[in-house]
Amino acid sequence: MMARAKRVPGAPGALVPIGGAESGSREPVTLGRFIYESGGPGCELVVVPTGSSDGDTGARYREIFARLGARVVHLVDPRNRHEANDEQMVALVRRASGIFLTGGDQYRLAARLRGTAVGRAIRTAHLAGVTVGGTSAGAAVLSSQMIAFGKSGATPRAGMVTLSPGLGLTARFIIDQHFRQRDRLGRLLTALATYPRRIGIGLDEDTAAVIRPDGFEVVGAGAITVVDATRSSARTPRHPDRQDPISIANLTLHVLAHGATFDITTRTATPPPGTSEA
């Protein structure tokens, strides 16, 4: 039987951003870990499919989470900012031990929730110890500054990315998703050229970071690209409208697989236990 994660009194809940395209196997590792962090079997969840234009998204995740052991899965799906101030929706958020934001369009998701009663309830719940997860767009929107739009490619370029405010559950990271599959290193580096004190997290598909106040653990089938730009220096081109390359020196980059960890305080990465040096 799946165990329950231990909560630290007075500490925020875990954040569980997932890179999208979670496994459809009987026991999806990333979604199963979200259940574990939310209290294990018998937990009460809220799914927010507001970022998706697919009307079946919420029902699909409700079915998956019920199969993984959730006792109750509520759908909170405001279609505009007015609905996002609905007291019944807020009440459901306040009851949940886990809140999950689905994929779709992160700009639309943030625009509908940020500054509303539902958006504030999600932040308050997280600070009180409730786990908040999200996949794809739902992962990107967790940070205070998110990548709203951007172009593919490995080289950072001026004008490659558009940043906008997210839901603000963490100010330490800028999170990108579908990372290796959609060749998004360049846009993450471009974002870090603007916010060098943030840690860049590039999530491969079916891969999650389980984030706690002191660091995070990697879970899933792919890897997480971690970029530390604290000591970096960037030189932007004189004519950013030409989308010329950006020079960034002294970056630290890690590629971490399942079981690896990253310490936020020391900015150090630890490989998965039991692995050998190449």
Protein backbone atom coordinates (compact mmCIF):
# COMPACT_ATOMS: atom_id res chain seq x y z
CA MET A 1 0.00 0.00 0.00
CA MET A 2 1.23 3.49 -0.81
CA ALA A 3 2.46 5.34 2.27
CA ARG A 4 1.73 8.90 3.25
CA ALA A 5 4.30 11.70 3.11
CA LYS A 6 5.23 13.18 6.48
CA ARG A 7 4.39 16.85 6.81
CA VAL A 8 6.51 19.34 8.72
CA PRO A 9 4.32 21.54 10.93
CA GLY A 10 4.47 25.18 9.86
CA ALA A 11 6.23 24.41 6.57
CA PRO A 12 4.76 24.90 3.09
CA GLY A 13 3.52 21.85 1.27
CA ALA A 14 5.50 20.19 -1.49
CA LEU A 15 5.40 21.57 -5.02
CA VAL A 16 5.28 18.86 -7.68
CA PRO A 17 5.74 20.30 -11.19
CA ILE A 18 5.63 17.66 -13.96
CA GLY A 19 7.00 18.11 -17.48
CA GLY A 20 3.82 16.88 -19.21
CA ALA A 21 2.85 13.65 -20.97
CA GLU A 22 2.69 11.57 -17.80
CA SER A 23 2.95 7.82 -18.24
CA GLY A 24 -0.26 5.96 -19.01
CA SER A 25 0.94 2.82 -17.24
CA ARG A 26 -0.97 1.25 -14.36
CA GLU A 27 1.13 3.05 -11.77
CA PRO A 28 2.28 6.40 -13.18
CA VAL A 29 5.33 7.35 -11.14
CA THR A 30 4.87 11.11 -11.26
CA LEU A 31 1.14 11.20 -10.56
CA GLY A 32 1.54 8.45 -7.97
CA ARG A 33 4.12 10.59 -6.19
CA PHE A 34 1.69 13.52 -6.22
CA ILE A 35 -0.88 11.28 -4.49
CA TYR A 36 1.74 10.25 -1.92
CA GLU A 37 2.67 13.86 -1.18
CA SER A 38 -1.03 14.76 -0.90
CA GLY A 39 -1.68 12.27 1.88
CA GLY A 40 -1.71 8.93 0.13
CA PRO A 41 -4.79 6.73 -0.37
CA GLY A 42 -7.94 8.37 0.92
CA CYS A 43 -6.76 11.89 0.17
CA GLU A 44 -9.10 14.64 -1.03
CA LEU A 45 -7.93 16.44 -4.16
CA VAL A 46 -8.87 19.43 -6.25
CA VAL A 47 -8.11 19.37 -9.99
CA VAL A 48 -7.99 22.71 -11.81
CA PRO A 49 -8.29 22.14 -15.60
CA THR A 50 -8.72 25.86 -16.34
CA GLY A 51 -5.67 26.07 -18.60
CA SER A 52 -7.00 23.40 -20.97
CA SER A 53 -9.37 23.96 -23.88
CA ASP A 54 -10.27 20.25 -23.84
CA GLY A 55 -13.53 19.78 -21.96
CA ASP A 56 -12.58 16.22 -20.97
CA THR A 57 -9.32 17.11 -19.20
CA GLY A 58 -10.77 17.45 -15.71
CA ALA A 59 -12.74 14.22 -15.90
CA ARG A 60 -9.71 12.36 -17.21
CA TYR A 61 -7.53 13.39 -14.26
CA ARG A 62 -10.35 12.70 -11.82
CA GLU A 63 -10.49 9.14 -13.12
CA ILE A 64 -6.69 8.72 -12.94
CA PHE A 65 -6.42 10.04 -9.38
CA ALA A 66 -9.38 7.93 -8.23
CA ARG A 67 -7.63 4.87 -9.67
CA LEU A 68 -4.47 5.84 -7.78
CA GLY A 69 -6.32 5.94 -4.48
CA ALA A 70 -7.80 9.41 -3.99
CA ARG A 71 -11.02 9.24 -1.98
CA VAL A 72 -12.58 12.36 -3.52
CA VAL A 73 -11.52 14.46 -6.53
CA HIS A 74 -13.27 17.80 -6.98
CA LEU A 75 -13.08 19.82 -10.18
CA VAL A 76 -12.55 23.57 -9.78
CA ASP A 77 -12.74 25.06 -13.25
CA PRO A 78 -13.41 28.80 -13.40
CA ARG A 79 -13.85 29.92 -17.00
CA ASN A 80 -13.24 33.60 -16.19
CA ARG A 81 -12.05 35.79 -13.32
CA HIS A 82 -15.58 36.34 -12.05
CA GLU A 83 -16.08 32.61 -11.57
CA ALA A 84 -12.66 32.42 -9.90
CA ASN A 85 -14.12 34.41 -7.01
CA ASP A 86 -16.88 31.88 -6.39
CA GLU A 87 -17.07 30.97 -2.70
CA GLN A 88 -18.03 27.34 -3.37
CA MET A 89 -14.87 26.88 -5.44
CA VAL A 90 -12.81 28.52 -2.71
CA ALA A 91 -14.35 26.19 -0.12
CA LEU A 92 -13.32 23.13 -2.14
CA VAL A 93 -9.75 24.40 -2.39
CA ARG A 94 -9.64 24.94 1.37
CA ARG A 95 -10.73 21.34 2.03
CA ALA A 96 -8.18 19.68 -0.23
CA SER A 97 -4.95 18.00 0.83
CA GLY A 98 -3.65 18.21 -2.75
CA ILE A 99 -4.28 20.67 -5.59
CA PHE A 100 -3.40 19.78 -9.18
CA LEU A 101 -3.25 22.17 -12.15
CA THR A 102 -3.53 20.51 -15.55
CA GLY A 103 -1.81 21.42 -18.80
CA GLY A 104 -3.00 23.77 -21.49
CA ASP A 105 -2.09 27.46 -21.77
CA GLN A 106 -0.17 28.84 -18.80
CA TYR A 107 -0.82 32.45 -19.75
CA ARG A 108 -4.58 31.86 -19.73
CA LEU A 109 -4.36 29.84 -16.52
CA ALA A 110 -2.46 32.58 -14.68
CA ALA A 111 -4.67 35.35 -16.07
CA ARG A 112 -7.82 33.65 -14.79
CA LEU A 113 -6.51 32.76 -11.33
CA ARG A 114 -3.89 35.32 -10.28
CA GLY A 115 -5.28 37.77 -7.75
CA THR A 116 -8.68 36.04 -7.49
CA ALA A 117 -10.19 34.32 -4.47
CA VAL A 118 -9.36 30.88 -5.89
CA GLY A 119 -5.79 31.93 -6.70
CA ARG A 120 -5.30 33.32 -3.20
CA ALA A 121 -6.81 30.19 -1.67
CA ILE A 122 -4.31 28.01 -3.55
CA ARG A 123 -1.38 30.08 -2.26
CA THR A 124 -2.75 30.09 1.30
CA ALA A 125 -3.31 26.32 1.22
CA HIS A 126 0.23 25.71 0.00
CA LEU A 127 1.72 27.86 2.77
CA ALA A 128 -0.36 25.87 5.26
CA GLY A 129 1.16 22.57 4.12
CA VAL A 130 -1.03 21.47 1.20
CA THR A 131 0.73 19.87 -1.78
CA VAL A 132 0.32 21.71 -5.09
CA GLY A 133 1.25 20.00 -8.35
CA GLY A 134 0.86 20.73 -12.00
CA THR A 135 1.73 19.32 -15.38
CA SER A 136 2.98 21.19 -18.45
CA ALA A 137 1.30 24.63 -18.25
CA GLY A 138 0.26 23.78 -14.70
CA ALA A 139 3.94 23.32 -13.82
CA ALA A 140 5.15 26.56 -15.41
CA VAL A 141 2.54 28.65 -13.63
CA LEU A 142 3.68 27.69 -10.11
CA SER A 143 6.52 30.22 -10.02
CA SER A 144 6.31 33.98 -9.48
CA GLN A 145 7.81 34.64 -12.92
CA MET A 146 6.92 32.13 -15.60
CA ILE A 147 7.72 31.51 -19.24
CA ALA A 148 4.50 32.48 -20.98
CA PHE A 149 5.68 32.04 -24.58
CA GLY A 150 8.94 31.20 -26.27
CA LYS A 151 10.74 29.66 -29.21
CA SER A 152 12.64 26.39 -29.49
CA GLY A 153 16.38 26.07 -29.90
CA ALA A 154 19.50 25.46 -27.82
CA THR A 155 21.03 28.94 -28.21
CA PRO A 156 19.69 31.79 -26.04
CA ARG A 157 18.59 34.72 -28.19
CA ALA A 158 17.20 38.16 -27.57
CA GLY A 159 13.43 38.16 -27.77
CA MET A 160 13.31 34.36 -27.55
CA VAL A 161 11.04 34.27 -24.52
CA THR A 162 8.17 36.23 -23.01
CA LEU A 163 7.96 36.24 -19.22
CA SER A 164 4.86 37.09 -17.21
CA PRO A 165 3.69 36.73 -13.59
CA GLY A 166 2.66 33.25 -12.47
CA LEU A 167 0.77 32.21 -9.35
CA GLY A 168 3.74 32.96 -7.10
CA LEU A 169 4.00 29.75 -5.08
CA THR A 170 7.80 29.93 -5.39
CA ALA A 171 10.18 32.77 -6.22
CA ARG A 172 13.26 30.54 -6.37
CA PHE A 173 12.69 28.86 -9.73
CA ILE A 174 11.78 29.43 -13.34
CA ILE A 175 10.19 26.21 -14.58
CA ASP A 176 9.97 24.98 -18.17
CA GLN A 177 8.34 21.80 -19.42
CA HIS A 178 8.46 19.31 -22.33
CA PHE A 179 12.08 20.37 -22.07
CA ARG A 180 14.24 17.95 -24.04
CA GLN A 181 11.37 16.87 -26.29
CA ARG A 182 10.79 20.43 -27.55
CA ASP A 183 14.39 21.70 -27.45
CA ARG A 184 13.79 24.46 -24.89
CA LEU A 185 17.25 25.04 -23.39
CA GLY A 186 17.67 28.35 -25.20
CA ARG A 187 14.49 29.90 -23.87
CA LEU A 188 15.26 28.85 -20.29
CA LEU A 189 18.73 30.39 -20.56
CA THR A 190 17.23 33.56 -22.02
CA ALA A 191 14.86 33.79 -19.05
CA LEU A 192 17.76 33.33 -16.62
CA ALA A 193 19.68 36.12 -18.34
CA THR A 194 16.90 38.37 -17.03
CA TYR A 195 16.53 36.64 -13.62
CA PRO A 196 19.99 35.19 -12.84
CA ARG A 197 19.23 34.57 -9.15
CA ARG A 198 16.48 32.09 -10.01
CA ILE A 199 17.29 28.42 -10.56
CA GLY A 200 16.20 27.15 -13.95
CA ILE A 201 14.36 23.81 -13.97
CA GLY A 202 13.83 22.15 -17.35
CA LEU A 203 11.45 19.20 -16.92
CA ASP A 204 11.45 16.36 -19.42
CA GLU A 205 8.11 14.73 -20.10
CA ASP A 206 6.86 12.23 -17.50
CA THR A 207 9.36 13.69 -15.01
CA ALA A 208 8.71 15.69 -11.85
CA ALA A 209 10.58 17.75 -9.30
CA VAL A 210 9.35 17.23 -5.74
CA ILE A 211 10.24 20.63 -4.29
CA ARG A 212 10.57 21.33 -0.57
CA PRO A 213 11.99 24.40 1.20
CA ASP A 214 15.54 22.99 1.22
CA GLY A 215 15.69 21.44 -2.26
CA PHE A 216 14.08 18.97 -4.59
CA GLU A 217 14.13 15.35 -5.69
CA VAL A 218 13.81 14.07 -9.26
CA VAL A 219 11.06 11.54 -9.97
CA GLY A 220 10.08 9.92 -13.26
CA ALA A 221 11.22 8.47 -16.56
CA GLY A 222 13.24 11.38 -17.94
CA ALA A 223 15.63 13.93 -16.50
CA ILE A 224 15.64 17.46 -15.16
CA THR A 225 18.05 20.03 -16.52
CA VAL A 226 19.03 22.37 -13.68
CA VAL A 227 20.70 25.67 -14.53
CA ASP A 228 22.30 27.80 -11.80
CA ALA A 229 23.04 31.29 -13.13
CA THR A 230 23.99 32.86 -9.78
CA ARG A 231 27.59 33.54 -10.79
CA SER A 232 26.85 34.14 -14.45
CA SER A 233 27.20 37.30 -16.50
CA ALA A 234 25.10 37.88 -19.61
CA ARG A 235 25.72 40.18 -22.55
CA THR A 236 22.66 41.00 -24.58
CA PRO A 237 23.00 42.22 -28.18
CA ARG A 238 22.66 45.89 -29.00
CA HIS A 239 19.75 45.21 -31.33
CA PRO A 240 17.46 42.72 -29.53
CA ASP A 241 14.85 43.00 -32.27
CA ARG A 242 17.21 41.02 -34.52
CA GLN A 243 17.07 38.04 -32.15
CA ASP A 244 20.85 37.82 -32.01
CA PRO A 245 22.50 35.28 -29.67
CA ILE A 246 23.02 36.15 -25.99
CA SER A 247 26.40 35.42 -24.40
CA ILE A 248 26.19 33.95 -20.89
CA ALA A 249 29.38 33.06 -19.01
CA ASN A 250 29.91 31.01 -15.82
CA LEU A 251 26.71 29.00 -15.80
CA THR A 252 26.46 25.76 -13.80
CA LEU A 253 24.37 23.06 -15.45
CA HIS A 254 23.24 19.68 -14.10
CA VAL A 255 21.26 16.89 -15.75
CA LEU A 256 19.59 14.82 -13.03
CA ALA A 257 17.69 11.54 -13.34
CA HIS A 258 15.23 9.72 -11.05
CA GLY A 259 16.41 9.71 -7.45
CA ALA A 260 18.87 12.59 -7.81
CA THR A 261 18.54 15.59 -5.51
CA PHE A 262 19.41 19.28 -5.54
CA ASP A 263 20.17 21.35 -2.45
CA ILE A 264 18.91 24.91 -2.82
CA THR A 265 21.05 26.36 -0.02
CA THR A 266 24.40 25.03 -1.23
CA ARG A 267 23.39 24.85 -4.91
CA THR A 268 24.81 21.34 -5.13
CA ALA A 269 23.44 18.30 -6.97
CA THR A 270 23.68 14.69 -5.77
CA PRO A 271 23.36 11.74 -8.20
CA PRO A 272 20.85 8.97 -7.53
CA PRO A 273 21.92 6.54 -4.79
CA GLY A 274 23.46 3.32 -6.01
CA THR A 275 24.74 4.73 -9.31
CA SER A 276 28.39 4.52 -10.33
CA GLU A 277 30.64 7.17 -11.83
CA ALA A 278 30.92 7.14 -15.62
